[in-house]
């Protein structure tokens, strides 16, 4: 009996599905990068000669626009609050976690009376771990 010699095929990788995989990876990366995008209320930061870095965790941010509108929450995404609501929210945060640092972020053109009203609420609550967020003077 004779056997016929067969030619061996060289191994090959099909590349037709590679473009699909690359396209799906591109979509995945674009979606992930959109989720990590930071939203911040548009304000002009005040400037200071020297700045001190504070902790990144356990912060409660109070945003004050130049119009006097006050909101609470991360990166200015919070809801607008009145003075009494602000007092209640600060009291709740302090009660829940006493190590929380209050960050006051005010537009550079904000009249002092709006910032002072927030400071008076903090004085009333006898809370002194407060930071005014500014940009370092260049």
Protein backbone atom coordinates (compact mmCIF):
# COMPACT_ATOMS: atom_id res chain seq x y z
CA UNK A 1 0.00 0.00 0.00
CA UNK A 2 1.11 3.37 -0.95
CA UNK A 3 0.35 6.47 0.93
CA UNK A 4 -0.06 9.70 -0.86
CA UNK A 5 2.01 12.50 0.57
CA UNK A 6 -0.11 15.43 1.58
CA UNK A 7 1.19 18.92 1.65
CA UNK A 8 1.03 20.44 5.10
CA UNK A 9 -0.72 23.75 5.31
CA UNK A 10 1.09 26.50 7.12
CA UNK A 11 -0.77 27.55 10.29
CA UNK A 12 -2.64 30.82 9.86
CA UNK A 13 -4.49 33.20 12.10
CA UNK A 14 -7.71 34.59 10.80
CA UNK A 15 -7.55 38.34 10.95
CA UNK A 16 -11.12 39.05 9.97
CA UNK A 17 -12.26 39.15 13.62
CA UNK A 18 -9.28 41.25 14.77
CA UNK A 19 -10.86 44.46 13.50
CA UNK A 20 -14.05 43.66 15.44
CA UNK A 21 -12.07 43.11 18.62
CA UNK A 22 -10.12 46.33 18.11
CA UNK A 23 -13.34 48.28 17.51
CA UNK A 24 -14.94 46.87 20.67
CA UNK A 25 -11.84 47.73 22.72
CA UNK A 26 -11.92 51.28 21.34
CA UNK A 27 -15.57 51.70 22.34
CA UNK A 28 -14.85 50.25 25.81
CA UNK A 29 -11.94 52.64 26.40
CA UNK A 30 -13.99 55.63 25.24
CA UNK A 31 -16.85 54.75 27.59
CA UNK A 32 -14.53 54.26 30.56
CA UNK A 33 -12.80 57.59 29.93
CA UNK A 34 -16.18 59.38 29.84
CA UNK A 35 -17.12 57.91 33.22
CA UNK A 36 -13.94 59.23 34.82
CA UNK A 37 -14.42 62.72 33.46
CA UNK A 38 -14.60 65.28 36.25
CA UNK A 39 -17.39 67.81 36.18
CA UNK A 40 -16.79 71.03 38.00
CA UNK A 41 -18.86 74.14 38.34
CA UNK A 42 -17.31 76.94 36.34
CA UNK A 43 -15.86 79.42 38.79
CA UNK A 44 -12.81 81.63 38.87
CA UNK A 45 -10.72 80.48 41.80
CA UNK A 46 -9.26 83.02 44.17
CA UNK A 47 -5.48 83.12 44.31
CA UNK A 48 -3.10 82.81 47.26
CA UNK A 49 0.64 83.28 47.71
CA UNK A 50 1.02 79.94 49.48
CA UNK A 51 -1.27 76.94 49.41
CA UNK A 52 -1.53 73.91 51.64
CA UNK A 53 -2.70 70.57 50.30
CA UNK A 54 -5.48 68.90 52.26
CA UNK A 55 -6.73 65.36 52.45
CA UNK A 56 -8.48 63.87 49.44
CA UNK A 57 -11.01 61.78 51.34
CA UNK A 58 -13.74 62.80 53.75
CA UNK A 59 -14.43 66.23 52.31
CA UNK A 60 -17.72 68.10 52.19
CA UNK A 61 -17.69 70.74 49.46
CA UNK A 62 -19.73 73.95 49.60
CA UNK A 63 -19.78 75.78 46.26
CA UNK A 64 -20.68 79.48 46.21
CA UNK A 65 -21.31 81.13 42.85
CA UNK A 66 -20.77 84.85 42.31
CA UNK A 67 -24.58 85.25 42.23
CA UNK A 68 -24.76 83.90 45.79
CA UNK A 69 -26.22 80.52 44.81
CA UNK A 70 -24.87 77.90 47.21
CA UNK A 71 -24.70 74.19 46.42
CA UNK A 72 -23.20 71.22 48.20
CA UNK A 73 -21.64 68.06 46.87
CA UNK A 74 -18.62 66.92 44.95
CA UNK A 75 -17.29 69.05 42.08
CA UNK A 76 -20.21 71.42 42.12
CA UNK A 77 -22.62 68.68 41.05
CA UNK A 78 -24.68 69.07 44.19
CA UNK A 79 -28.07 70.60 44.51
CA UNK A 80 -28.65 74.25 45.38
CA UNK A 81 -29.45 74.74 49.06
CA UNK A 82 -30.84 77.47 51.29
CA UNK A 83 -29.07 78.55 54.48
CA UNK A 84 -31.27 76.37 56.69
CA UNK A 85 -30.79 73.34 54.41
CA UNK A 86 -27.04 73.97 54.39
CA UNK A 87 -26.98 74.04 58.18
CA UNK A 88 -28.88 70.73 58.34
CA UNK A 89 -26.59 69.06 55.78
CA UNK A 90 -23.43 70.21 57.56
CA UNK A 91 -24.79 69.04 60.93
CA UNK A 92 -25.67 65.64 59.44
CA UNK A 93 -22.21 65.23 57.88
CA UNK A 94 -20.41 66.28 61.08
CA UNK A 95 -22.54 63.92 63.17
CA UNK A 96 -21.95 61.01 60.82
CA UNK A 97 -18.20 61.58 60.42
CA UNK A 98 -16.54 64.13 62.74
CA UNK A 99 -13.26 63.99 60.75
CA UNK A 100 -14.84 65.49 57.67
CA UNK A 101 -13.13 68.61 56.33
CA UNK A 102 -15.40 71.34 54.99
CA UNK A 103 -14.17 72.89 51.72
CA UNK A 104 -15.56 76.28 50.81
CA UNK A 105 -15.13 76.92 47.10
CA UNK A 106 -16.20 80.42 46.14
CA UNK A 107 -15.89 82.30 42.89
CA UNK A 108 -13.33 85.11 43.05
CA UNK A 109 -16.10 87.63 42.26
CA UNK A 110 -18.42 86.40 45.02
CA UNK A 111 -19.43 89.19 47.40
CA UNK A 112 -18.12 88.62 50.91
CA UNK A 113 -21.60 88.52 52.45
CA UNK A 114 -22.34 85.16 50.76
CA UNK A 115 -19.11 83.58 52.01
CA UNK A 116 -19.64 85.12 55.44
CA UNK A 117 -23.11 83.57 55.74
CA UNK A 118 -21.57 80.11 55.25
CA UNK A 119 -18.81 80.88 57.77
CA UNK A 120 -21.43 82.04 60.30
CA UNK A 121 -23.26 78.72 59.93
CA UNK A 122 -19.99 76.89 60.63
CA UNK A 123 -19.36 79.12 63.67
CA UNK A 124 -22.86 78.42 64.93
CA UNK A 125 -22.16 74.68 64.66
CA UNK A 126 -18.74 75.27 66.29
CA UNK A 127 -16.96 73.48 63.46
CA UNK A 128 -13.42 74.59 62.73
CA UNK A 129 -11.95 72.10 60.24
CA UNK A 130 -12.56 74.31 57.23
CA UNK A 131 -10.51 74.99 54.10
CA UNK A 132 -10.96 77.74 51.55
CA UNK A 133 -10.09 76.27 48.17
CA UNK A 134 -7.88 78.59 46.10
CA UNK A 135 -5.45 78.42 43.22
CA UNK A 136 -1.76 79.10 43.78
CA UNK A 137 -0.72 82.50 42.47
CA UNK A 138 1.54 82.19 39.45
